[in-house]
Amino acid sequence: MRFDPARIFQILDDYGVDYLTIGGWAVVAHGYVRATVDIDFVADQERGNIERLARALASMGARLRGIDADKLDIDLTDPDVLGNGASFTMETDFGPVDFLNDVPGAEPYAQMRDRSIETSAAGVRIRVVGFDDLIAMKEASGRDRDHLDVRELKRPSDS
C-alpha cells in the first residue's frame, strides 16, 4: 500500500472533521524537516465532529493496526468508541493514521485550536497544533524521537 497523506487530509476535510495535526507533519510544519510515515491527530470531541470523523474513517477503510488487531471487537465507525478511547492506531486504504484522545502535555482542544496554524501539507490545507503546544506534547511524551524533535525545533535558525 502506498502512503497517500494528501488523500487522508482531503477526506478529513471533505467530511468536515475539526482536527489538528500533532505528529511528524506538525514538526515539519514548524520547521524541522524529517521523514514521517503516518498522520497523528487530535479532534474536537463534540458529538457531531466525532460522528463526521467516524464516517471519514469508514470511507478510508480504517482498521486497527497491530498484532491480532483483527481479533479485537472495536468498531472504528462507532462514534461512541472513538469518543471514549484513549488512542487508535489504524491502517487505512491510504496509509497509517493515529487518532489520539489522550495526549500527555496536551491542553483542552479548544485552547489548542485557538493557537493552531493553517498550512499546506501534501498539497492540502490543514490545521497544525501551535508551536508551544507541540513542544509541550513532545516534551511530555518521554520518547527519544520526540526529544530530538524538540531539540531541532528549538535550534536557532541559520537565517
C-alpha atoms as a PDB file:
ATOM      1  CA  MET A   1       0.000   0.000   0.000  1.00  0.00           C
ATOM      2  CA  ARG A   2       1.228   3.466  -0.898  1.00  0.00           C
ATOM      3  CA  PHE A   3       1.138   6.196   1.762  1.00  0.00           C
ATOM      4  CA  ASP A   4      -1.086   8.973   0.396  1.00  0.00           C
ATOM      5  CA  PRO A   5      -1.258  11.697   3.060  1.00  0.00           C
ATOM      6  CA  ALA A   6      -2.928  14.141   0.667  1.00  0.00           C
ATOM      7  CA  ARG A   7      -5.866  11.764   0.278  1.00  0.00           C
ATOM      8  CA  ILE A   8      -6.181  11.269   4.050  1.00  0.00           C
ATOM      9  CA  PHE A   9      -6.115  15.017   4.727  1.00  0.00           C
ATOM     10  CA  GLN A  10      -8.579  15.632   1.889  1.00  0.00           C
ATOM     11  CA  ILE A  11     -11.049  13.053   3.213  1.00  0.00           C
ATOM     12  CA  LEU A  12     -10.925  14.546   6.710  1.00  0.00           C
ATOM     13  CA  ASP A  13     -11.595  17.937   5.132  1.00  0.00           C
ATOM     14  CA  ASP A  14     -14.352  16.612   2.840  1.00  0.00           C
ATOM     15  CA  TYR A  15     -16.204  15.225   5.860  1.00  0.00           C
ATOM     16  CA  GLY A  16     -15.779  18.479   7.785  1.00  0.00           C
ATOM     17  CA  VAL A  17     -13.736  16.963  10.617  1.00  0.00           C
ATOM     18  CA  ASP A  18     -12.366  19.571  13.046  1.00  0.00           C
ATOM     19  CA  TYR A  19      -8.897  18.192  13.821  1.00  0.00           C
ATOM     20  CA  LEU A  20      -5.325  19.274  14.497  1.00  0.00           C
ATOM     21  CA  THR A  21      -2.273  17.500  13.166  1.00  0.00           C
ATOM     22  CA  ILE A  22       0.169  16.810  16.016  1.00  0.00           C
ATOM     23  CA  GLY A  23       2.872  14.374  14.910  1.00  0.00           C
ATOM     24  CA  GLY A  24       5.628  14.426  12.334  1.00  0.00           C
ATOM     25  CA  TRP A  25       3.580  16.546   9.950  1.00  0.00           C
ATOM     26  CA  ALA A  26       3.313  19.207  12.670  1.00  0.00           C
ATOM     27  CA  VAL A  27       7.059  19.016  13.283  1.00  0.00           C
ATOM     28  CA  VAL A  28       7.692  19.620   9.575  1.00  0.00           C
ATOM     29  CA  ALA A  29       5.177  22.490   9.512  1.00  0.00           C
ATOM     30  CA  HIS A  30       7.094  24.158  12.338  1.00  0.00           C
ATOM     31  CA  GLY A  31      10.422  23.969  10.554  1.00  0.00           C
ATOM     32  CA  TYR A  32      12.203  20.680  11.229  1.00  0.00           C
ATOM     33  CA  VAL A  33      12.036  18.644   8.055  1.00  0.00           C
ATOM     34  CA  ARG A  34      12.133  14.938   8.777  1.00  0.00           C
ATOM     35  CA  ALA A  35      10.501  11.794   7.466  1.00  0.00           C
ATOM     36  CA  THR A  36       7.185  10.622   8.830  1.00  0.00           C
ATOM     37  CA  VAL A  37       5.240   7.515   7.911  1.00  0.00           C
ATOM     38  CA  ASP A  38       1.830   8.264   9.396  1.00  0.00           C
ATOM     39  CA  ILE A  39      -0.591  11.032  10.308  1.00  0.00           C
ATOM     40  CA  ASP A  40      -1.164  11.755  14.001  1.00  0.00           C
ATOM     41  CA  PHE A  41      -4.064  13.962  15.017  1.00  0.00           C
ATOM     42  CA  VAL A  42      -6.450  15.036  17.758  1.00  0.00           C
ATOM     43  CA  ALA A  43     -10.040  16.104  17.131  1.00  0.00           C
ATOM     44  CA  ASP A  44     -12.749  18.181  18.733  1.00  0.00           C
ATOM     45  CA  GLN A  45     -14.759  15.819  20.947  1.00  0.00           C
ATOM     46  CA  GLU A  46     -18.099  17.459  20.106  1.00  0.00           C
ATOM     47  CA  ARG A  47     -20.511  14.642  19.195  1.00  0.00           C
ATOM     48  CA  GLY A  48     -21.210  15.852  15.650  1.00  0.00           C
ATOM     49  CA  ASN A  49     -17.486  16.104  14.926  1.00  0.00           C
ATOM     50  CA  ILE A  50     -16.811  12.585  16.193  1.00  0.00           C
ATOM     51  CA  GLU A  51     -19.682  11.331  14.003  1.00  0.00           C
ATOM     52  CA  ARG A  52     -18.083  13.053  10.982  1.00  0.00           C
ATOM     53  CA  LEU A  53     -14.730  11.506  11.930  1.00  0.00           C
ATOM     54  CA  ALA A  54     -16.340   8.052  12.123  1.00  0.00           C
ATOM     55  CA  ARG A  55     -17.785   8.489   8.614  1.00  0.00           C
ATOM     56  CA  ALA A  56     -14.449   9.747   7.277  1.00  0.00           C
ATOM     57  CA  LEU A  57     -12.608   6.766   8.759  1.00  0.00           C
ATOM     58  CA  ALA A  58     -15.198   4.379   7.308  1.00  0.00           C
ATOM     59  CA  SER A  59     -14.682   5.906   3.858  1.00  0.00           C
ATOM     60  CA  MET A  60     -10.925   5.294   4.228  1.00  0.00           C
ATOM     61  CA  GLY A  61     -11.420   1.648   5.198  1.00  0.00           C
ATOM     62  CA  ALA A  62      -9.885   2.288   8.640  1.00  0.00           C
ATOM     63  CA  ARG A  63      -8.996  -0.756  10.718  1.00  0.00           C
ATOM     64  CA  LEU A  64      -6.917  -1.206  13.832  1.00  0.00           C
ATOM     65  CA  ARG A  65      -3.212  -1.742  13.274  1.00  0.00           C
ATOM     66  CA  GLY A  66      -1.120  -4.120  15.316  1.00  0.00           C
ATOM     67  CA  ILE A  67      -0.728  -7.709  16.382  1.00  0.00           C
ATOM     68  CA  ASP A  68      -4.086  -9.504  16.428  1.00  0.00           C
ATOM     69  CA  ALA A  69      -5.931  -6.208  15.919  1.00  0.00           C
ATOM     70  CA  ASP A  70      -8.439  -8.067  13.766  1.00  0.00           C
ATOM     71  CA  LYS A  71      -9.421 -10.168  16.803  1.00  0.00           C
ATOM     72  CA  LEU A  72     -10.419  -7.117  18.839  1.00  0.00           C
ATOM     73  CA  ASP A  73     -14.076  -6.188  18.648  1.00  0.00           C
ATOM     74  CA  ILE A  74     -13.563  -2.460  18.102  1.00  0.00           C
ATOM     75  CA  ASP A  75     -15.787  -0.664  15.602  1.00  0.00           C
ATOM     76  CA  LEU A  76     -13.939   2.401  14.328  1.00  0.00           C
ATOM     77  CA  THR A  77     -17.141   3.632  12.673  1.00  0.00           C
ATOM     78  CA  ASP A  78     -18.899   3.923  16.057  1.00  0.00           C
ATOM     79  CA  PRO A  79     -18.684   7.491  17.412  1.00  0.00           C
ATOM     80  CA  ASP A  80     -19.077   6.197  20.983  1.00  0.00           C
ATOM     81  CA  VAL A  81     -15.981   4.044  20.553  1.00  0.00           C
ATOM     82  CA  LEU A  82     -13.962   6.896  19.017  1.00  0.00           C
ATOM     83  CA  GLY A  83     -15.050   9.393  21.652  1.00  0.00           C
ATOM     84  CA  ASN A  84     -14.256   7.149  24.597  1.00  0.00           C
ATOM     85  CA  GLY A  85     -10.948   5.524  23.639  1.00  0.00           C
ATOM     86  CA  ALA A  86      -7.546   6.934  24.563  1.00  0.00           C
ATOM     87  CA  SER A  87      -5.926   6.349  21.183  1.00  0.00           C
ATOM     88  CA  PHE A  88      -6.453   4.423  17.981  1.00  0.00           C
ATOM     89  CA  THR A  89      -3.583   3.245  15.813  1.00  0.00           C
ATOM     90  CA  MET A  90      -5.076   2.483  12.427  1.00  0.00           C
ATOM     91  CA  GLU A  91      -4.278   1.398   8.929  1.00  0.00           C
ATOM     92  CA  THR A  92      -6.374   2.908   6.147  1.00  0.00           C
ATOM     93  CA  ASP A  93      -6.585   2.343   2.407  1.00  0.00           C
ATOM     94  CA  PHE A  94      -4.283   5.376   2.100  1.00  0.00           C
ATOM     95  CA  GLY A  95      -1.792   4.690   4.887  1.00  0.00           C
ATOM     96  CA  PRO A  96      -1.367   4.718   8.667  1.00  0.00           C
ATOM     97  CA  VAL A  97      -3.322   7.113  10.879  1.00  0.00           C
ATOM     98  CA  ASP A  98      -3.172   7.617  14.656  1.00  0.00           C
ATOM     99  CA  PHE A  99      -6.172   9.309  16.296  1.00  0.00           C
ATOM    100  CA  LEU A 100      -5.364  10.338  19.863  1.00  0.00           C
ATOM    101  CA  ASN A 101      -7.789  11.456  22.559  1.00  0.00           C
ATOM    102  CA  ASP A 102      -5.354  11.336  25.456  1.00  0.00           C
ATOM    103  CA  VAL A 103      -2.068  13.077  24.696  1.00  0.00           C
ATOM    104  CA  PRO A 104       0.383  13.815  27.520  1.00  0.00           C
ATOM    105  CA  GLY A 105       1.100  17.532  27.709  1.00  0.00           C
ATOM    106  CA  ALA A 106      -1.955  18.499  25.651  1.00  0.00           C
ATOM    107  CA  GLU A 107      -4.235  21.354  26.643  1.00  0.00           C
ATOM    108  CA  PRO A 108      -8.002  21.222  26.014  1.00  0.00           C
ATOM    109  CA  TYR A 109      -8.777  21.035  22.291  1.00  0.00           C
ATOM    110  CA  ALA A 110     -10.449  24.464  22.027  1.00  0.00           C
ATOM    111  CA  GLN A 111      -7.383  26.152  23.503  1.00  0.00           C
ATOM    112  CA  MET A 112      -5.028  24.311  21.162  1.00  0.00           C
ATOM    113  CA  ARG A 113      -7.235  25.136  18.178  1.00  0.00           C
ATOM    114  CA  ASP A 114      -7.114  28.834  19.073  1.00  0.00           C
ATOM    115  CA  ARG A 115      -3.294  28.661  18.924  1.00  0.00           C
ATOM    116  CA  SER A 116      -3.090  26.417  15.852  1.00  0.00           C
ATOM    117  CA  ILE A 117      -1.811  27.414  12.443  1.00  0.00           C
ATOM    118  CA  GLU A 118      -3.089  26.685   8.974  1.00  0.00           C
ATOM    119  CA  THR A 119      -0.575  25.402   6.474  1.00  0.00           C
ATOM    120  CA  SER A 120      -0.287  23.187   3.434  1.00  0.00           C
ATOM    121  CA  ALA A 121       0.779  19.554   3.658  1.00  0.00           C
ATOM    122  CA  ALA A 122       0.914  17.219   0.696  1.00  0.00           C
ATOM    123  CA  GLY A 123      -0.855  19.944  -1.297  1.00  0.00           C
ATOM    124  CA  VAL A 124      -3.851  20.177   1.056  1.00  0.00           C
ATOM    125  CA  ARG A 125      -4.661  22.919   3.602  1.00  0.00           C
ATOM    126  CA  ILE A 126      -4.517  21.531   7.148  1.00  0.00           C
ATOM    127  CA  ARG A 127      -4.580  22.850  10.717  1.00  0.00           C
ATOM    128  CA  VAL A 128      -1.499  22.098  12.790  1.00  0.00           C
ATOM    129  CA  VAL A 129      -1.103  22.391  16.527  1.00  0.00           C
ATOM    130  CA  GLY A 130       0.738  25.567  17.559  1.00  0.00           C
ATOM    131  CA  PHE A 131       4.457  25.571  18.299  1.00  0.00           C
ATOM    132  CA  ASP A 132       4.218  25.806  22.110  1.00  0.00           C
ATOM    133  CA  ASP A 133       1.553  23.086  22.267  1.00  0.00           C
ATOM    134  CA  LEU A 134       3.631  20.824  20.028  1.00  0.00           C
ATOM    135  CA  ILE A 135       6.689  21.345  22.242  1.00  0.00           C
ATOM    136  CA  ALA A 136       4.663  20.612  25.411  1.00  0.00           C
ATOM    137  CA  MET A 137       3.326  17.348  23.966  1.00  0.00           C
ATOM    138  CA  LYS A 138       6.719  16.270  22.654  1.00  0.00           C
ATOM    139  CA  GLU A 139       8.411  17.015  25.991  1.00  0.00           C
ATOM    140  CA  ALA A 140       5.733  15.109  27.919  1.00  0.00           C
ATOM    141  CA  SER A 141       5.939  12.000  25.737  1.00  0.00           C
ATOM    142  CA  GLY A 142       9.249  10.713  27.082  1.00  0.00           C
ATOM    143  CA  ARG A 143      10.196   9.241  23.685  1.00  0.00           C
ATOM    144  CA  ASP A 144      13.693   9.736  22.273  1.00  0.00           C
ATOM    145  CA  ARG A 145      12.289  10.664  18.836  1.00  0.00           C
ATOM    146  CA  ASP A 146      10.181  13.415  20.419  1.00  0.00           C
ATOM    147  CA  HIS A 147      13.085  14.789  22.445  1.00  0.00           C
ATOM    148  CA  LEU A 148      15.152  15.000  19.248  1.00  0.00           C
ATOM    149  CA  ASP A 149      12.249  16.845  17.580  1.00  0.00           C
ATOM    150  CA  VAL A 150      12.183  19.365  20.448  1.00  0.00           C
ATOM    151  CA  ARG A 151      15.941  19.979  20.204  1.00  0.00           C
ATOM    152  CA  GLU A 152      15.708  20.529  16.456  1.00  0.00           C
ATOM    153  CA  LEU A 153      12.598  22.716  16.673  1.00  0.00           C
ATOM    154  CA  LYS A 154      14.209  24.939  19.313  1.00  0.00           C
ATOM    155  CA  ARG A 155      17.530  25.198  17.454  1.00  0.00           C
ATOM    156  CA  PRO A 156      18.135  28.763  16.263  1.00  0.00           C
ATOM    157  CA  SER A 157      17.718  29.053  12.506  1.00  0.00           C
ATOM    158  CA  ASP A 158      20.688  29.967  10.343  1.00  0.00           C
ATOM    159  CA  SER A 159      18.777  32.763   8.616  1.00  0.00           C
END
